[in-house]
Amino acid sequence: MITVSGCGSNKSDNETTQSSQNVESKSVKDIYATVSTMAEGKLTELDPQYLSNYYGIDTTDLDEYVFAQSDTPESSAETIIIIKSEDTSKFEDYKTSFEQKSQELTNYNLPDQAKLVDKSKVVEKGNYLYLVISENANEIIDTIEKNI
C-alpha cells in the first residue's frame, strides 16, 4: 500500500505571504543534503536520465530535483526523490509514475524491502513533490516539510 497525501492551507494570502517572508525555503539540494544523513544506507544521486527512464519525468520541466537511491539497489529499495516545479500541472502524472514504480518494487525478492516499499509515501506540498522509501520515512518527510 502506498500512501499519497496532499497539503492545503486555510491561511489567507496575506498570512501566507507574511509566513513566507519569515522562513526562506532551502534549495532541493540543501534539503537532500540534510535528509540523506537520515537514510539507513548510503544513497547515490542519479543523473537526470534515470529520472526519465524510471519515472518518465522530463527534468527540463522541473525547477529543481534530486533522485537518489541506495547504492546497493539489488538489496535495498531505499529511495528519496524531491521535485520542485512552479508548474505543478504534471504532479498528478508524476505521482502515478511514482506509485506504479513502487508497485513494481513490492515484488522485491527481499520481503523486508517489499514491506518498506509498501509503506512508502508520496507527498505533494505546494510546488514540491517527494517520494520517500526508507525505514526513517516519517522523520525524513518531517525534515523536508520543515525546509520547504
N, C-alpha and C. Protein backbone atom coordinates (compact mmCIF):
# COMPACT_ATOMS: atom_id res chain seq x y z
N MET A 1 0.83 -1.17 0.00
CA MET A 1 0.00 0.00 0.00
C MET A 1 0.88 1.23 0.00
N ILE A 2 0.56 2.16 -0.86
CA ILE A 2 1.30 3.41 -0.94
C ILE A 2 0.39 4.50 -0.43
N THR A 3 0.92 5.36 0.39
CA THR A 3 0.17 6.48 0.93
C THR A 3 0.46 7.71 0.09
N VAL A 4 -0.59 8.35 -0.39
CA VAL A 4 -0.45 9.60 -1.14
C VAL A 4 -1.17 10.66 -0.34
N SER A 5 -0.50 11.78 -0.11
CA SER A 5 -1.16 12.84 0.63
C SER A 5 -0.85 14.19 0.02
N GLY A 6 -1.75 15.10 0.22
CA GLY A 6 -1.56 16.46 -0.26
C GLY A 6 -1.78 17.41 0.91
N CYS A 7 -1.27 18.58 0.77
CA CYS A 7 -1.41 19.55 1.85
C CYS A 7 -2.06 20.80 1.31
N GLY A 8 -2.97 21.33 2.07
CA GLY A 8 -3.62 22.57 1.70
C GLY A 8 -3.39 23.60 2.78
N SER A 9 -4.02 24.72 2.63
CA SER A 9 -3.86 25.77 3.62
C SER A 9 -5.15 26.55 3.72
N ASN A 10 -5.51 26.90 4.94
CA ASN A 10 -6.67 27.75 5.16
C ASN A 10 -6.26 29.18 5.43
N LYS A 11 -4.96 29.46 5.31
CA LYS A 11 -4.47 30.81 5.56
C LYS A 11 -4.89 31.74 4.43
N SER A 12 -5.08 32.99 4.78
CA SER A 12 -5.35 34.00 3.76
C SER A 12 -4.06 34.28 3.00
N ASP A 13 -4.16 34.89 1.84
CA ASP A 13 -2.97 35.22 1.05
C ASP A 13 -2.01 36.08 1.86
N ASN A 14 -2.55 37.01 2.64
CA ASN A 14 -1.72 37.90 3.44
C ASN A 14 -0.94 37.11 4.49
N GLU A 15 -1.61 36.16 5.17
CA GLU A 15 -0.93 35.34 6.18
C GLU A 15 0.15 34.49 5.54
N THR A 16 -0.17 33.93 4.37
CA THR A 16 0.80 33.08 3.66
C THR A 16 2.01 33.90 3.25
N THR A 17 1.77 35.12 2.74
CA THR A 17 2.87 35.99 2.33
C THR A 17 3.75 36.34 3.52
N GLN A 18 3.12 36.69 4.65
CA GLN A 18 3.89 37.02 5.84
C GLN A 18 4.69 35.82 6.32
N SER A 19 4.08 34.65 6.31
CA SER A 19 4.76 33.44 6.74
C SER A 19 5.92 33.12 5.81
N SER A 20 5.73 33.29 4.51
CA SER A 20 6.78 33.01 3.54
C SER A 20 7.96 33.94 3.71
N GLN A 21 7.68 35.17 4.11
CA GLN A 21 8.76 36.13 4.27
C GLN A 21 9.60 35.80 5.51
N ASN A 22 8.98 35.16 6.50
CA ASN A 22 9.69 34.84 7.73
C ASN A 22 10.61 33.63 7.59
N VAL A 23 10.24 32.68 6.75
CA VAL A 23 11.02 31.46 6.60
C VAL A 23 11.35 31.28 5.11
N GLU A 24 12.63 31.32 4.80
CA GLU A 24 13.03 31.14 3.41
C GLU A 24 13.32 29.67 3.17
N SER A 25 12.71 29.10 2.13
CA SER A 25 12.91 27.69 1.87
C SER A 25 14.32 27.45 1.32
N LYS A 26 14.83 26.27 1.61
CA LYS A 26 16.15 25.89 1.14
C LYS A 26 16.05 25.31 -0.26
N SER A 27 17.17 25.21 -0.94
CA SER A 27 17.18 24.55 -2.24
C SER A 27 16.95 23.06 -2.04
N VAL A 28 16.48 22.40 -3.08
CA VAL A 28 16.25 20.96 -3.03
C VAL A 28 17.55 20.23 -2.69
N LYS A 29 18.66 20.67 -3.24
CA LYS A 29 19.96 20.04 -2.96
C LYS A 29 20.32 20.19 -1.48
N ASP A 30 20.05 21.36 -0.89
CA ASP A 30 20.34 21.57 0.53
C ASP A 30 19.44 20.70 1.41
N ILE A 31 18.17 20.60 1.03
CA ILE A 31 17.25 19.74 1.78
C ILE A 31 17.72 18.30 1.71
N TYR A 32 18.09 17.86 0.51
CA TYR A 32 18.57 16.48 0.35
C TYR A 32 19.84 16.25 1.18
N ALA A 33 20.73 17.21 1.21
CA ALA A 33 21.96 17.07 1.99
C ALA A 33 21.63 16.82 3.46
N THR A 34 20.57 17.45 3.94
CA THR A 34 20.15 17.26 5.33
C THR A 34 19.52 15.88 5.54
N VAL A 35 18.58 15.50 4.66
CA VAL A 35 17.85 14.24 4.89
C VAL A 35 18.64 13.01 4.50
N SER A 36 19.62 13.14 3.64
CA SER A 36 20.38 11.96 3.22
C SER A 36 21.12 11.32 4.39
N THR A 37 21.44 12.12 5.39
CA THR A 37 22.12 11.58 6.57
C THR A 37 21.17 10.74 7.44
N MET A 38 19.88 10.84 7.19
CA MET A 38 18.89 10.07 7.94
C MET A 38 18.62 8.70 7.32
N ALA A 39 19.13 8.50 6.14
CA ALA A 39 18.90 7.23 5.44
C ALA A 39 19.59 6.09 6.17
N GLU A 40 19.01 4.91 6.04
CA GLU A 40 19.59 3.71 6.66
C GLU A 40 20.93 3.35 6.04
N GLY A 41 20.99 3.44 4.71
CA GLY A 41 22.22 3.08 4.00
C GLY A 41 22.75 4.26 3.22
N LYS A 42 23.77 4.01 2.43
CA LYS A 42 24.35 5.06 1.60
C LYS A 42 23.50 5.24 0.34
N LEU A 43 23.16 6.48 0.06
CA LEU A 43 22.38 6.81 -1.13
C LEU A 43 23.29 7.44 -2.17
N THR A 44 22.96 7.21 -3.43
CA THR A 44 23.71 7.78 -4.54
C THR A 44 22.76 8.63 -5.38
N GLU A 45 23.16 9.88 -5.64
CA GLU A 45 22.37 10.74 -6.52
C GLU A 45 22.55 10.26 -7.94
N LEU A 46 21.44 10.11 -8.64
CA LEU A 46 21.47 9.61 -10.01
C LEU A 46 21.27 10.76 -10.99
N ASP A 47 21.78 10.57 -12.19
CA ASP A 47 21.69 11.64 -13.19
C ASP A 47 20.27 11.74 -13.76
N PRO A 48 19.99 12.83 -14.49
CA PRO A 48 18.63 13.08 -14.98
C PRO A 48 18.06 11.95 -15.84
N GLN A 49 18.92 11.23 -16.52
CA GLN A 49 18.45 10.14 -17.38
C GLN A 49 17.70 9.07 -16.57
N TYR A 50 18.15 8.83 -15.35
CA TYR A 50 17.48 7.83 -14.51
C TYR A 50 16.06 8.26 -14.17
N LEU A 51 15.87 9.53 -13.84
CA LEU A 51 14.54 10.03 -13.51
C LEU A 51 13.61 9.89 -14.71
N SER A 52 14.15 10.14 -15.88
CA SER A 52 13.39 9.98 -17.11
C SER A 52 13.08 8.50 -17.37
N ASN A 53 14.10 7.64 -17.26
CA ASN A 53 13.92 6.22 -17.55
C ASN A 53 13.03 5.52 -16.53
N TYR A 54 13.23 5.79 -15.25
CA TYR A 54 12.49 5.11 -14.19
C TYR A 54 11.06 5.61 -14.09
N TYR A 55 10.88 6.92 -14.19
CA TYR A 55 9.58 7.51 -13.89
C TYR A 55 8.96 8.29 -15.06
N GLY A 56 9.65 8.41 -16.17
CA GLY A 56 9.11 9.13 -17.31
C GLY A 56 9.00 10.62 -17.08
N ILE A 57 9.87 11.16 -16.25
CA ILE A 57 9.82 12.59 -15.92
C ILE A 57 10.92 13.32 -16.67
N ASP A 58 10.52 14.31 -17.46
CA ASP A 58 11.48 15.14 -18.19
C ASP A 58 11.99 16.21 -17.23
N THR A 59 13.25 16.12 -16.88
CA THR A 59 13.80 17.04 -15.88
C THR A 59 13.85 18.49 -16.36
N THR A 60 13.72 18.72 -17.65
CA THR A 60 13.69 20.10 -18.13
C THR A 60 12.39 20.80 -17.72
N ASP A 61 11.38 20.01 -17.30
CA ASP A 61 10.12 20.57 -16.81
C ASP A 61 10.19 20.98 -15.34
N LEU A 62 11.31 20.68 -14.69
CA LEU A 62 11.43 20.90 -13.25
C LEU A 62 12.35 22.07 -12.95
N ASP A 63 12.08 22.75 -11.85
CA ASP A 63 12.96 23.83 -11.41
C ASP A 63 14.18 23.26 -10.69
N GLU A 64 13.92 22.29 -9.79
CA GLU A 64 14.98 21.63 -9.04
C GLU A 64 14.54 20.20 -8.77
N TYR A 65 15.50 19.31 -8.59
CA TYR A 65 15.16 17.93 -8.25
C TYR A 65 16.39 17.21 -7.72
N VAL A 66 16.12 16.15 -6.99
CA VAL A 66 17.14 15.19 -6.57
C VAL A 66 16.49 13.82 -6.67
N PHE A 67 17.19 12.88 -7.28
CA PHE A 67 16.77 11.49 -7.33
C PHE A 67 17.93 10.68 -6.79
N ALA A 68 17.72 10.07 -5.63
CA ALA A 68 18.78 9.29 -5.01
C ALA A 68 18.22 7.95 -4.56
N GLN A 69 19.00 6.93 -4.76
CA GLN A 69 18.58 5.62 -4.27
C GLN A 69 19.78 4.89 -3.69
N SER A 70 19.48 3.80 -3.03
CA SER A 70 20.52 3.02 -2.38
C SER A 70 21.63 2.70 -3.37
N ASP A 71 22.87 2.74 -2.90
CA ASP A 71 23.97 2.37 -3.79
C ASP A 71 24.06 0.86 -3.94
N THR A 72 23.16 0.13 -3.26
CA THR A 72 23.04 -1.31 -3.46
C THR A 72 21.57 -1.64 -3.75
N PRO A 73 21.06 -1.21 -4.91
CA PRO A 73 19.63 -1.38 -5.22
C PRO A 73 19.18 -2.84 -5.30
N GLU A 74 20.13 -3.75 -5.48
CA GLU A 74 19.76 -5.17 -5.52
C GLU A 74 19.38 -5.70 -4.14
N SER A 75 19.75 -4.96 -3.10
CA SER A 75 19.42 -5.43 -1.75
C SER A 75 18.69 -4.39 -0.90
N SER A 76 18.50 -3.18 -1.43
CA SER A 76 17.83 -2.13 -0.69
C SER A 76 16.99 -1.27 -1.62
N ALA A 77 15.75 -1.03 -1.22
CA ALA A 77 14.83 -0.21 -2.02
C ALA A 77 14.86 1.26 -1.62
N GLU A 78 15.71 1.61 -0.68
CA GLU A 78 15.70 2.97 -0.15
C GLU A 78 15.88 4.00 -1.27
N THR A 79 14.96 4.96 -1.31
CA THR A 79 14.92 5.98 -2.36
C THR A 79 14.39 7.28 -1.80
N ILE A 80 14.99 8.38 -2.24
CA ILE A 80 14.47 9.71 -1.93
C ILE A 80 14.45 10.51 -3.23
N ILE A 81 13.27 11.00 -3.57
CA ILE A 81 13.12 11.88 -4.72
C ILE A 81 12.43 13.15 -4.24
N ILE A 82 13.02 14.29 -4.53
CA ILE A 82 12.42 15.58 -4.20
C ILE A 82 12.38 16.40 -5.48
N ILE A 83 11.19 16.87 -5.82
CA ILE A 83 10.99 17.66 -7.04
C ILE A 83 10.39 19.01 -6.65
N LYS A 84 10.88 20.06 -7.29
CA LYS A 84 10.28 21.38 -7.14
C LYS A 84 9.98 21.90 -8.53
N SER A 85 8.76 22.40 -8.71
CA SER A 85 8.38 22.96 -10.01
C SER A 85 7.29 24.01 -9.80
N GLU A 86 7.48 25.16 -10.42
CA GLU A 86 6.45 26.19 -10.38
C GLU A 86 5.19 25.71 -11.10
N ASP A 87 5.39 24.88 -12.13
CA ASP A 87 4.27 24.31 -12.88
C ASP A 87 3.93 22.95 -12.28
N THR A 88 2.90 22.91 -11.47
CA THR A 88 2.52 21.66 -10.79
C THR A 88 1.49 20.86 -11.58
N SER A 89 1.20 21.28 -12.81
CA SER A 89 0.16 20.62 -13.59
C SER A 89 0.48 19.16 -13.90
N LYS A 90 1.74 18.78 -13.86
CA LYS A 90 2.12 17.39 -14.16
C LYS A 90 2.31 16.55 -12.89
N PHE A 91 2.09 17.14 -11.73
CA PHE A 91 2.31 16.41 -10.48
C PHE A 91 1.45 15.15 -10.36
N GLU A 92 0.21 15.21 -10.84
CA GLU A 92 -0.65 14.01 -10.78
C GLU A 92 -0.04 12.88 -11.61
N ASP A 93 0.49 13.22 -12.79
CA ASP A 93 1.16 12.20 -13.62
C ASP A 93 2.40 11.66 -12.92
N TYR A 94 3.15 12.55 -12.28
CA TYR A 94 4.36 12.13 -11.57
C TYR A 94 4.00 11.20 -10.41
N LYS A 95 2.93 11.55 -9.67
CA LYS A 95 2.50 10.71 -8.56
C LYS A 95 2.12 9.32 -9.06
N THR A 96 1.41 9.28 -10.18
CA THR A 96 1.03 8.00 -10.76
C THR A 96 2.27 7.19 -11.13
N SER A 97 3.27 7.84 -11.70
CA SER A 97 4.52 7.16 -12.06
C SER A 97 5.22 6.63 -10.81
N PHE A 98 5.28 7.44 -9.76
CA PHE A 98 5.90 7.01 -8.50
C PHE A 98 5.18 5.78 -7.95
N GLU A 99 3.84 5.83 -7.97
CA GLU A 99 3.05 4.73 -7.42
C GLU A 99 3.23 3.45 -8.25
N GLN A 100 3.25 3.59 -9.57
CA GLN A 100 3.44 2.42 -10.43
C GLN A 100 4.80 1.78 -10.21
N LYS A 101 5.83 2.59 -10.14
CA LYS A 101 7.18 2.07 -9.92
C LYS A 101 7.28 1.43 -8.53
N SER A 102 6.68 2.06 -7.55
CA SER A 102 6.68 1.50 -6.21
C SER A 102 5.95 0.16 -6.18
N GLN A 103 4.86 0.07 -6.93
CA GLN A 103 4.12 -1.19 -7.00
C GLN A 103 5.00 -2.29 -7.59
N GLU A 104 5.78 -1.95 -8.60
CA GLU A 104 6.72 -2.92 -9.18
C GLU A 104 7.75 -3.36 -8.14
N LEU A 105 8.20 -2.42 -7.33
CA LEU A 105 9.22 -2.73 -6.33
C LEU A 105 8.70 -3.60 -5.19
N THR A 106 7.37 -3.65 -5.00
CA THR A 106 6.85 -4.51 -3.94
C THR A 106 7.05 -5.98 -4.28
N ASN A 107 7.43 -6.25 -5.51
CA ASN A 107 7.73 -7.63 -5.92
C ASN A 107 9.18 -7.99 -5.61
N TYR A 108 9.84 -7.16 -4.83
CA TYR A 108 11.22 -7.40 -4.41
C TYR A 108 11.37 -8.82 -3.89
N ASN A 109 12.49 -9.45 -4.17
CA ASN A 109 12.76 -10.79 -3.66
C ASN A 109 13.12 -10.79 -2.18
N LEU A 110 13.26 -9.61 -1.62
CA LEU A 110 13.60 -9.48 -0.20
C LEU A 110 12.35 -8.97 0.54
N PRO A 111 11.71 -9.81 1.32
CA PRO A 111 10.45 -9.44 1.96
C PRO A 111 10.50 -8.16 2.79
N ASP A 112 11.60 -7.94 3.51
CA ASP A 112 11.67 -6.72 4.33
C ASP A 112 11.71 -5.47 3.46
N GLN A 113 12.34 -5.55 2.28
CA GLN A 113 12.38 -4.40 1.37
C GLN A 113 11.03 -4.19 0.70
N ALA A 114 10.33 -5.29 0.40
CA ALA A 114 8.98 -5.18 -0.17
C ALA A 114 8.05 -4.48 0.81
N LYS A 115 8.18 -4.79 2.10
CA LYS A 115 7.37 -4.12 3.13
C LYS A 115 7.73 -2.64 3.22
N LEU A 116 9.00 -2.34 3.08
CA LEU A 116 9.46 -0.96 3.12
C LEU A 116 8.84 -0.16 1.97
N VAL A 117 8.84 -0.73 0.79
CA VAL A 117 8.25 -0.08 -0.38
C VAL A 117 6.75 0.09 -0.17
N ASP A 118 6.13 -0.93 0.41
CA ASP A 118 4.70 -0.90 0.64
C ASP A 118 4.30 0.26 1.56
N LYS A 119 5.18 0.64 2.45
CA LYS A 119 4.92 1.75 3.38
C LYS A 119 5.41 3.09 2.85
N SER A 120 5.88 3.13 1.61
CA SER A 120 6.45 4.37 1.07
C SER A 120 5.39 5.47 0.98
N LYS A 121 5.87 6.69 0.91
CA LYS A 121 4.96 7.84 0.88
C LYS A 121 5.31 8.78 -0.27
N VAL A 122 4.28 9.21 -0.97
CA VAL A 122 4.39 10.25 -1.99
C VAL A 122 3.62 11.44 -1.44
N VAL A 123 4.28 12.58 -1.34
CA VAL A 123 3.65 13.75 -0.73
C VAL A 123 3.77 14.94 -1.69
N GLU A 124 2.67 15.66 -1.84
CA GLU A 124 2.67 16.91 -2.60
C GLU A 124 2.40 18.04 -1.62
N LYS A 125 3.25 19.03 -1.65
CA LYS A 125 3.06 20.20 -0.79
C LYS A 125 3.50 21.43 -1.56
N GLY A 126 2.54 22.26 -1.94
CA GLY A 126 2.86 23.46 -2.72
C GLY A 126 3.50 23.10 -4.04
N ASN A 127 4.70 23.64 -4.28
CA ASN A 127 5.43 23.39 -5.53
C ASN A 127 6.38 22.21 -5.41
N TYR A 128 6.21 21.40 -4.38
CA TYR A 128 7.10 20.27 -4.13
C TYR A 128 6.33 18.96 -4.21
N LEU A 129 7.03 17.94 -4.72
CA LEU A 129 6.52 16.58 -4.72
C LEU A 129 7.68 15.70 -4.31
N TYR A 130 7.45 14.79 -3.37
CA TYR A 130 8.55 13.95 -2.96
C TYR A 130 8.08 12.53 -2.66
N LEU A 131 8.97 11.61 -2.95
CA LEU A 131 8.78 10.19 -2.68
C LEU A 131 9.88 9.77 -1.71
N VAL A 132 9.48 9.12 -0.64
CA VAL A 132 10.45 8.63 0.34
C VAL A 132 10.18 7.16 0.61
N ILE A 133 11.17 6.33 0.32
CA ILE A 133 11.14 4.91 0.66
C ILE A 133 12.30 4.70 1.61
N SER A 134 11.97 4.55 2.89
CA SER A 134 13.02 4.43 3.90
C SER A 134 12.41 3.98 5.21
N GLU A 135 13.20 3.29 6.02
CA GLU A 135 12.77 2.96 7.38
C GLU A 135 12.48 4.23 8.15
N ASN A 136 13.17 5.30 7.81
CA ASN A 136 13.02 6.58 8.51
C ASN A 136 12.16 7.57 7.72
N ALA A 137 11.22 7.06 6.94
CA ALA A 137 10.42 7.91 6.05
C ALA A 137 9.73 9.06 6.79
N ASN A 138 9.12 8.78 7.93
CA ASN A 138 8.39 9.85 8.64
C ASN A 138 9.32 10.96 9.08
N GLU A 139 10.48 10.60 9.61
CA GLU A 139 11.47 11.59 10.05
C GLU A 139 11.99 12.40 8.85
N ILE A 140 12.24 11.71 7.74
CA ILE A 140 12.74 12.38 6.53
C ILE A 140 11.69 13.34 5.99
N ILE A 141 10.45 12.90 5.92
CA ILE A 141 9.37 13.75 5.42
C ILE A 141 9.17 14.96 6.33
N ASP A 142 9.20 14.77 7.63
CA ASP A 142 9.08 15.90 8.56
C ASP A 142 10.18 16.93 8.31
N THR A 143 11.40 16.46 8.09
CA THR A 143 12.52 17.38 7.85
C THR A 143 12.35 18.09 6.51
N ILE A 144 11.91 17.38 5.48
CA ILE A 144 11.66 18.02 4.19
C ILE A 144 10.64 19.14 4.38
N GLU A 145 9.55 18.83 5.05
CA GLU A 145 8.47 19.79 5.21
C GLU A 145 8.87 21.02 6.02
N LYS A 146 9.79 20.85 6.94
CA LYS A 146 10.27 21.99 7.72
C LYS A 146 11.18 22.90 6.91
N ASN A 147 11.67 22.39 5.78
CA ASN A 147 12.65 23.15 5.00
C ASN A 147 12.13 23.67 3.67
N ILE A 148 10.87 23.39 3.36
CA ILE A 148 10.33 23.91 2.11
C ILE A 148 9.41 25.09 2.34
